[in-house]
Amino acid sequence: MTGEGMIMVINRTITDAENLKELIEFMDEPEVCTSTPAEWRSQVGQSRLDAVFVGPDLSETEIRSVVGDVGKLDPNIPIVMLHGLDR
């Protein structure tokens, strides 16, 4: 992968992903993208992936797929697993 590094937020609920994206950008990270579990690889394109945030609404199968695919790109990419609130 080449080019600028990016942080990817993967979540089925785009509104939640956009909220987290705005928070990360607020911390002065310029390249933050959001995507669904099925489309994140195409969003990364040729960019370097610096970190991945995995939303709490992904299924177990989607989580395994995302984590496995990120590991294939680079096993050193940090993956942050988000958890929903228990109410």
C-alpha atoms as a PDB file:
ATOM      1  CA  MET A   1       0.000   0.000   0.000  1.00  0.00           C
ATOM      2  CA  THR A   2       1.152   3.508  -0.738  1.00  0.00           C
ATOM      3  CA  GLY A   3       0.081   7.058  -0.104  1.00  0.00           C
ATOM      4  CA  GLU A   4      -1.186   8.722   3.011  1.00  0.00           C
ATOM      5  CA  GLY A   5      -2.201   6.683   5.999  1.00  0.00           C
ATOM      6  CA  MET A   6      -5.836   6.459   7.023  1.00  0.00           C
ATOM      7  CA  ILE A   7      -7.977   5.315   9.893  1.00  0.00           C
ATOM      8  CA  MET A   8     -10.989   3.199   8.936  1.00  0.00           C
ATOM      9  CA  VAL A   9     -14.197   3.062  11.001  1.00  0.00           C
ATOM     10  CA  ILE A  10     -16.214  -0.049  10.092  1.00  0.00           C
ATOM     11  CA  ASN A  11     -19.817  -0.179  11.235  1.00  0.00           C
ATOM     12  CA  ARG A  12     -23.147  -1.214   9.724  1.00  0.00           C
ATOM     13  CA  THR A  13     -24.845   1.906  11.111  1.00  0.00           C
ATOM     14  CA  ILE A  14     -23.349   4.742   9.100  1.00  0.00           C
ATOM     15  CA  THR A  15     -24.601   7.433  11.510  1.00  0.00           C
ATOM     16  CA  ASP A  16     -22.670   5.844  14.394  1.00  0.00           C
ATOM     17  CA  ALA A  17     -19.600   5.471  12.185  1.00  0.00           C
ATOM     18  CA  GLU A  18     -19.786   9.133  11.164  1.00  0.00           C
ATOM     19  CA  ASN A  19     -20.039  10.210  14.833  1.00  0.00           C
ATOM     20  CA  LEU A  20     -16.867   8.288  15.693  1.00  0.00           C
ATOM     21  CA  LYS A  21     -15.157   9.639  12.568  1.00  0.00           C
ATOM     22  CA  GLU A  22     -15.862  13.203  13.706  1.00  0.00           C
ATOM     23  CA  LEU A  23     -14.440  12.448  17.156  1.00  0.00           C
ATOM     24  CA  ILE A  24     -11.233  11.010  15.679  1.00  0.00           C
ATOM     25  CA  GLU A  25     -10.900  13.964  13.292  1.00  0.00           C
ATOM     26  CA  PHE A  26     -11.332  16.294  16.270  1.00  0.00           C
ATOM     27  CA  MET A  27      -8.149  14.736  17.685  1.00  0.00           C
ATOM     28  CA  ASP A  28      -6.374  16.066  14.558  1.00  0.00           C
ATOM     29  CA  GLU A  29      -6.343  12.902  12.452  1.00  0.00           C
ATOM     30  CA  PRO A  30      -6.938  14.179   8.908  1.00  0.00           C
ATOM     31  CA  GLU A  31      -7.719  10.982   7.014  1.00  0.00           C
ATOM     32  CA  VAL A  32     -10.597   9.070   8.594  1.00  0.00           C
ATOM     33  CA  CYS A  33     -13.037   7.047   6.479  1.00  0.00           C
ATOM     34  CA  THR A  34     -16.163   5.088   7.304  1.00  0.00           C
ATOM     35  CA  SER A  35     -17.480   1.965   5.663  1.00  0.00           C
ATOM     36  CA  THR A  36     -19.613  -1.111   6.075  1.00  0.00           C
ATOM     37  CA  PRO A  37     -18.062  -4.520   6.710  1.00  0.00           C
ATOM     38  CA  ALA A  38     -18.636  -5.533   3.084  1.00  0.00           C
ATOM     39  CA  GLU A  39     -17.058  -2.458   1.465  1.00  0.00           C
ATOM     40  CA  TRP A  40     -14.149  -1.313   3.638  1.00  0.00           C
ATOM     41  CA  ARG A  41     -11.414  -2.883   1.464  1.00  0.00           C
ATOM     42  CA  SER A  42     -12.492  -0.884  -1.579  1.00  0.00           C
ATOM     43  CA  GLN A  43     -12.540   2.298   0.539  1.00  0.00           C
ATOM     44  CA  VAL A  44      -8.915   1.759   1.595  1.00  0.00           C
ATOM     45  CA  GLY A  45      -7.776   1.480  -2.026  1.00  0.00           C
ATOM     46  CA  GLN A  46      -4.052   2.201  -2.256  1.00  0.00           C
ATOM     47  CA  SER A  47      -3.880   4.086   1.042  1.00  0.00           C
ATOM     48  CA  ARG A  48      -1.881   2.843   4.005  1.00  0.00           C
ATOM     49  CA  LEU A  49      -4.148   1.664   6.805  1.00  0.00           C
ATOM     50  CA  ASP A  50      -2.987   3.087  10.157  1.00  0.00           C
ATOM     51  CA  ALA A  51      -5.778   1.720  12.377  1.00  0.00           C
ATOM     52  CA  VAL A  52      -9.231   0.142  12.237  1.00  0.00           C
ATOM     53  CA  PHE A  53     -12.169   0.775  14.562  1.00  0.00           C
ATOM     54  CA  VAL A  54     -14.704  -2.074  14.480  1.00  0.00           C
ATOM     55  CA  GLY A  55     -18.219  -1.063  15.511  1.00  0.00           C
ATOM     56  CA  PRO A  56     -20.368  -2.903  18.038  1.00  0.00           C
ATOM     57  CA  ASP A  57     -23.100  -3.741  15.527  1.00  0.00           C
ATOM     58  CA  LEU A  58     -21.039  -6.207  13.494  1.00  0.00           C
ATOM     59  CA  SER A  59     -21.913  -9.880  13.698  1.00  0.00           C
ATOM     60  CA  GLU A  60     -19.376 -12.428  14.918  1.00  0.00           C
ATOM     61  CA  THR A  61     -18.861 -13.561  11.310  1.00  0.00           C
ATOM     62  CA  GLU A  62     -18.260  -9.985  10.126  1.00  0.00           C
ATOM     63  CA  ILE A  63     -15.793  -9.365  12.952  1.00  0.00           C
ATOM     64  CA  ARG A  64     -13.816 -12.499  12.123  1.00  0.00           C
ATOM     65  CA  SER A  65     -13.745 -11.534   8.445  1.00  0.00           C
ATOM     66  CA  VAL A  66     -12.623  -7.943   9.086  1.00  0.00           C
ATOM     67  CA  VAL A  67      -9.950  -8.915  11.621  1.00  0.00           C
ATOM     68  CA  GLY A  68      -8.665 -11.694   9.357  1.00  0.00           C
ATOM     69  CA  ASP A  69      -8.506  -9.440   6.305  1.00  0.00           C
ATOM     70  CA  VAL A  70      -6.770  -6.634   8.224  1.00  0.00           C
ATOM     71  CA  GLY A  71      -4.242  -9.194   9.476  1.00  0.00           C
ATOM     72  CA  LYS A  72      -3.546 -10.275   5.903  1.00  0.00           C
ATOM     73  CA  LEU A  73      -2.817  -6.658   4.913  1.00  0.00           C
ATOM     74  CA  ASP A  74      -0.493  -6.107   7.861  1.00  0.00           C
ATOM     75  CA  PRO A  75      -0.607  -7.974  11.183  1.00  0.00           C
ATOM     76  CA  ASN A  76       0.709  -4.848  12.945  1.00  0.00           C
ATOM     77  CA  ILE A  77      -2.298  -2.622  12.148  1.00  0.00           C
ATOM     78  CA  PRO A  78      -4.028  -1.701  15.432  1.00  0.00           C
ATOM     79  CA  ILE A  79      -7.653  -2.857  15.675  1.00  0.00           C
ATOM     80  CA  VAL A  80      -9.965  -1.196  18.193  1.00  0.00           C
ATOM     81  CA  MET A  81     -13.053  -3.242  19.059  1.00  0.00           C
ATOM     82  CA  LEU A  82     -15.947  -1.054  20.169  1.00  0.00           C
ATOM     83  CA  HIS A  83     -18.671  -2.340  22.483  1.00  0.00           C
ATOM     84  CA  GLY A  84     -22.230  -1.088  22.759  1.00  0.00           C
ATOM     85  CA  LEU A  85     -23.753   0.043  26.011  1.00  0.00           C
ATOM     86  CA  ASP A  86     -25.784  -2.494  27.967  1.00  0.00           C
ATOM     87  CA  ARG A  87     -28.975  -0.800  29.025  1.00  0.00           C
END
